[in-house]
Amino acid sequence: MATLRNYSLLLIPIILIAGSALTGCGREKGEPLFVYCGTSFSKPIKEIGEKFKEKTGAEIEYSFAGCETIFPQILLTRKGDICIVHDPFADMLKEKGVLEEDRVVGRITPVLIVPKGNPKGIKSLEDLARPGIRVALGDPRFQTCAQYVHQKLKEKGIEEAVRKNIVYETKTHQELGNAVKLGTADVSVVWNFIAVLNSDSLDGIWMKEKFPETKIHVCLLNFSKNRDLARKFLEFASSKEGIEIFKRDGYI
């Protein structure tokens, strides 16, 4: 795999989705739990957050962004209680000394996505180099999945041929899924959960290539000011109930 870029330079403003004011139920200070979450995991985490609120009365304030953005945010602000990221960012947080504990709740891997019925007959990465195939890919400057894909294309000697077919490049997997759904592109490569969540309009195609195992981690930050509540969230998200939510949404 290509060397990961220095994400500590990617200081993009935090996008906050704030919860409403706390009712104080089950809380000592009435402060919301602050959770950083990779955008790829927003659906299951929102559901887990709602169930956690039902159980504890706790409000949750979210910061959704790419894992590549969350990492420098945490180091810069030293604020927050929980973060949900994929590999290799949990290890990077450990190396920086800000991670107290983490638990694996699922896994993701790159897959091809095509319109339902696969009208172009796409079966492999090599097909992305076929003349006339419109390709949507993630931007490798901001996407781990895209870094994996470009490395494989380079190894196969078809990276330049595929580049000529790229009609759309973006940061997020959701936007890549939409590009194929709306007919802007014939094919894309995304984390597998996109194929699961859009199975009514997209077909996912597993590839023969082996990619690095990419685990999803729920992490407790060691500067959390809501340590007891944060640990309860960590335990709930990694419980059988929490993992089933991830699994149902395609995070195998």
Foldseek 3Di string as FASTA:
>chain_A
DDDADDLLPVADDWDKDFDDFAPCFQHDPRDAAEEEEEQVCVVLVVVLQVVLCVVGVGTYMYTYHHLSNVLNVCVVPVDGWKYKHKPPSVVVCVVVPFFDDKDFLFWWAKWKKFWPPLPVPDAALVCLLDPPFAEEEEDSNQDPRRVQSLVVCVVVVRNVSNVVRYPYYYHDPVVRLVCRQVVVGGMYMDIQLSCLVPVVTMHIHDYPDDTPIMTMMMTTTPSYPRHVSSVVSNCSCRDPVNSVSCVNSPRD
